Amino acid sequence: MALTASPSNIVVPVALEGSVVVPEPLRPEHCELFWEAAKDNLDGIVQWIPYRTESWKDLRQLVDKTLAEQERGESVAFATVERIPNLSSAVHAS
């Protein structure tokens, strides 16, 4: 995957790593994983998001809005992905 500079000089893709989690730039497939992790405690998880997020549709619209901002180079949003040795990664609501 090639690196590209956005209008705000953010070089994407961005890769950060920690020993427990890996923050990954938000991708469309994170939406479904986030919903599965958050749907039973949505109010507690999204309370600081300044957009109505009460349903799958609301969350999908928020992710689409955020991805559009990334495409325009206005922001970079991350999904927090748990680093699990020898297992596939799991996305956590963050």
C-alpha atoms as a PDB file:
ATOM      1  CA  MET A   1       0.000   0.000   0.000  1.00  0.00           C
ATOM      2  CA  ALA A   2       1.448   3.357  -1.014  1.00  0.00           C
ATOM      3  CA  LEU A   3       1.806   6.238   1.409  1.00  0.00           C
ATOM      4  CA  THR A   4       0.021   9.423   0.463  1.00  0.00           C
ATOM      5  CA  ALA A   5       0.062  12.888   1.993  1.00  0.00           C
ATOM      6  CA  SER A   6      -3.293  14.467   2.715  1.00  0.00           C
ATOM      7  CA  PRO A   7      -4.084  18.207   2.572  1.00  0.00           C
ATOM      8  CA  SER A   8      -3.360  18.504   6.313  1.00  0.00           C
ATOM      9  CA  ASN A   9      -0.012  16.722   5.781  1.00  0.00           C
ATOM     10  CA  ILE A  10      -1.130  13.551   7.537  1.00  0.00           C
ATOM     11  CA  VAL A  11       0.732  10.645   5.955  1.00  0.00           C
ATOM     12  CA  VAL A  12      -1.577   7.662   5.566  1.00  0.00           C
ATOM     13  CA  PRO A  13      -1.719   4.843   6.256  1.00  0.00           C
ATOM     14  CA  VAL A  14      -0.657   5.520   9.845  1.00  0.00           C
ATOM     15  CA  ALA A  15       0.694   2.565  11.812  1.00  0.00           C
ATOM     16  CA  LEU A  16       1.151   2.675  15.586  1.00  0.00           C
ATOM     17  CA  GLU A  17       1.830  -0.315  17.809  1.00  0.00           C
ATOM     18  CA  GLY A  18       1.690  -1.126  21.494  1.00  0.00           C
ATOM     19  CA  SER A  19       2.254  -4.306  23.464  1.00  0.00           C
ATOM     20  CA  VAL A  20      -1.479  -4.843  24.142  1.00  0.00           C
ATOM     21  CA  VAL A  21      -3.325  -2.948  21.409  1.00  0.00           C
ATOM     22  CA  VAL A  22      -2.711  -1.598  17.936  1.00  0.00           C
ATOM     23  CA  PRO A  23      -4.580   1.578  16.927  1.00  0.00           C
ATOM     24  CA  GLU A  24      -5.413   1.203  13.225  1.00  0.00           C
ATOM     25  CA  PRO A  25      -6.766   3.909  10.937  1.00  0.00           C
ATOM     26  CA  LEU A  26     -10.528   3.430  10.723  1.00  0.00           C
ATOM     27  CA  ARG A  27     -11.735   1.270   7.835  1.00  0.00           C
ATOM     28  CA  PRO A  28     -15.313   0.421   6.770  1.00  0.00           C
ATOM     29  CA  GLU A  29     -15.063  -3.125   8.152  1.00  0.00           C
ATOM     30  CA  HIS A  30     -14.408  -1.741  11.661  1.00  0.00           C
ATOM     31  CA  CYS A  31     -18.030  -0.544  11.817  1.00  0.00           C
ATOM     32  CA  GLU A  32     -19.555  -3.994  12.129  1.00  0.00           C
ATOM     33  CA  LEU A  33     -16.918  -5.111  14.624  1.00  0.00           C
ATOM     34  CA  PHE A  34     -17.429  -1.958  16.687  1.00  0.00           C
ATOM     35  CA  TRP A  35     -21.203  -2.509  16.663  1.00  0.00           C
ATOM     36  CA  GLU A  36     -20.809  -6.075  17.919  1.00  0.00           C
ATOM     37  CA  ALA A  37     -18.522  -4.901  20.729  1.00  0.00           C
ATOM     38  CA  ALA A  38     -20.612  -1.851  21.684  1.00  0.00           C
ATOM     39  CA  LYS A  39     -24.287  -2.589  21.023  1.00  0.00           C
ATOM     40  CA  ASP A  40     -25.072  -3.769  24.561  1.00  0.00           C
ATOM     41  CA  ASN A  41     -23.534  -0.668  26.189  1.00  0.00           C
ATOM     42  CA  LEU A  42     -23.864   1.913  23.436  1.00  0.00           C
ATOM     43  CA  ASP A  43     -24.880   4.792  25.734  1.00  0.00           C
ATOM     44  CA  GLY A  44     -21.786   4.408  27.878  1.00  0.00           C
ATOM     45  CA  ILE A  45     -19.414   4.008  24.972  1.00  0.00           C
ATOM     46  CA  VAL A  46     -20.633   6.820  22.698  1.00  0.00           C
ATOM     47  CA  GLN A  47     -21.604   9.364  25.351  1.00  0.00           C
ATOM     48  CA  TRP A  48     -18.818  11.778  24.316  1.00  0.00           C
ATOM     49  CA  ILE A  49     -19.438  11.531  20.575  1.00  0.00           C
ATOM     50  CA  PRO A  50     -21.188  14.754  19.495  1.00  0.00           C
ATOM     51  CA  TYR A  51     -23.497  12.940  17.060  1.00  0.00           C
ATOM     52  CA  ARG A  52     -26.560  10.848  17.760  1.00  0.00           C
ATOM     53  CA  THR A  53     -25.429   7.225  17.886  1.00  0.00           C
ATOM     54  CA  GLU A  54     -28.341   5.080  19.025  1.00  0.00           C
ATOM     55  CA  SER A  55     -28.533   2.435  16.306  1.00  0.00           C
ATOM     56  CA  TRP A  56     -26.562   0.500  13.702  1.00  0.00           C
ATOM     57  CA  LYS A  57     -27.701   3.060  11.111  1.00  0.00           C
ATOM     58  CA  ASP A  58     -26.431   5.970  13.248  1.00  0.00           C
ATOM     59  CA  LEU A  59     -23.080   4.253  13.758  1.00  0.00           C
ATOM     60  CA  ARG A  60     -22.764   3.470  10.032  1.00  0.00           C
ATOM     61  CA  GLN A  61     -23.448   7.134   9.206  1.00  0.00           C
ATOM     62  CA  LEU A  62     -20.839   8.246  11.750  1.00  0.00           C
ATOM     63  CA  VAL A  63     -18.229   5.881  10.326  1.00  0.00           C
ATOM     64  CA  ASP A  64     -19.067   6.989   6.761  1.00  0.00           C
ATOM     65  CA  LYS A  65     -18.754  10.659   7.823  1.00  0.00           C
ATOM     66  CA  THR A  66     -15.427   9.954   9.500  1.00  0.00           C
ATOM     67  CA  LEU A  67     -14.112   8.045   6.484  1.00  0.00           C
ATOM     68  CA  ALA A  68     -15.129  10.951   4.222  1.00  0.00           C
ATOM     69  CA  GLU A  69     -13.187  13.341   6.505  1.00  0.00           C
ATOM     70  CA  GLN A  70     -10.159  11.045   6.248  1.00  0.00           C
ATOM     71  CA  GLU A  71     -10.503  10.959   2.465  1.00  0.00           C
ATOM     72  CA  ARG A  72     -10.442  14.774   2.428  1.00  0.00           C
ATOM     73  CA  GLY A  73      -7.427  14.813   4.774  1.00  0.00           C
ATOM     74  CA  GLU A  74      -9.332  16.537   7.581  1.00  0.00           C
ATOM     75  CA  SER A  75      -8.860  13.886  10.255  1.00  0.00           C
ATOM     76  CA  VAL A  76      -7.581  10.423  11.059  1.00  0.00           C
ATOM     77  CA  ALA A  77      -9.724   8.199  13.279  1.00  0.00           C
ATOM     78  CA  PHE A  78      -8.538   4.963  14.816  1.00  0.00           C
ATOM     79  CA  ALA A  79     -10.014   1.640  15.839  1.00  0.00           C
ATOM     80  CA  THR A  80      -8.308   0.067  18.842  1.00  0.00           C
ATOM     81  CA  VAL A  81      -7.443  -3.514  17.881  1.00  0.00           C
ATOM     82  CA  GLU A  82      -6.367  -5.946  20.574  1.00  0.00           C
ATOM     83  CA  ARG A  83      -3.069  -7.688  19.952  1.00  0.00           C
ATOM     84  CA  ILE A  84      -3.691 -11.372  20.687  1.00  0.00           C
ATOM     85  CA  PRO A  85      -0.652 -13.621  20.218  1.00  0.00           C
ATOM     86  CA  ASN A  86      -1.305 -16.493  17.798  1.00  0.00           C
ATOM     87  CA  LEU A  87      -4.979 -15.473  17.351  1.00  0.00           C
ATOM     88  CA  SER A  88      -6.755 -13.165  14.970  1.00  0.00           C
ATOM     89  CA  SER A  89      -7.171  -9.588  16.209  1.00  0.00           C
ATOM     90  CA  ALA A  90     -10.382  -8.329  17.759  1.00  0.00           C
ATOM     91  CA  VAL A  91     -11.611  -4.742  17.534  1.00  0.00           C
ATOM     92  CA  HIS A  92     -12.583  -3.087  20.809  1.00  0.00           C
ATOM     93  CA  ALA A  93     -14.864  -0.112  21.205  1.00  0.00           C
ATOM     94  CA  SER A  94     -12.771   2.880  22.137  1.00  0.00           C
END
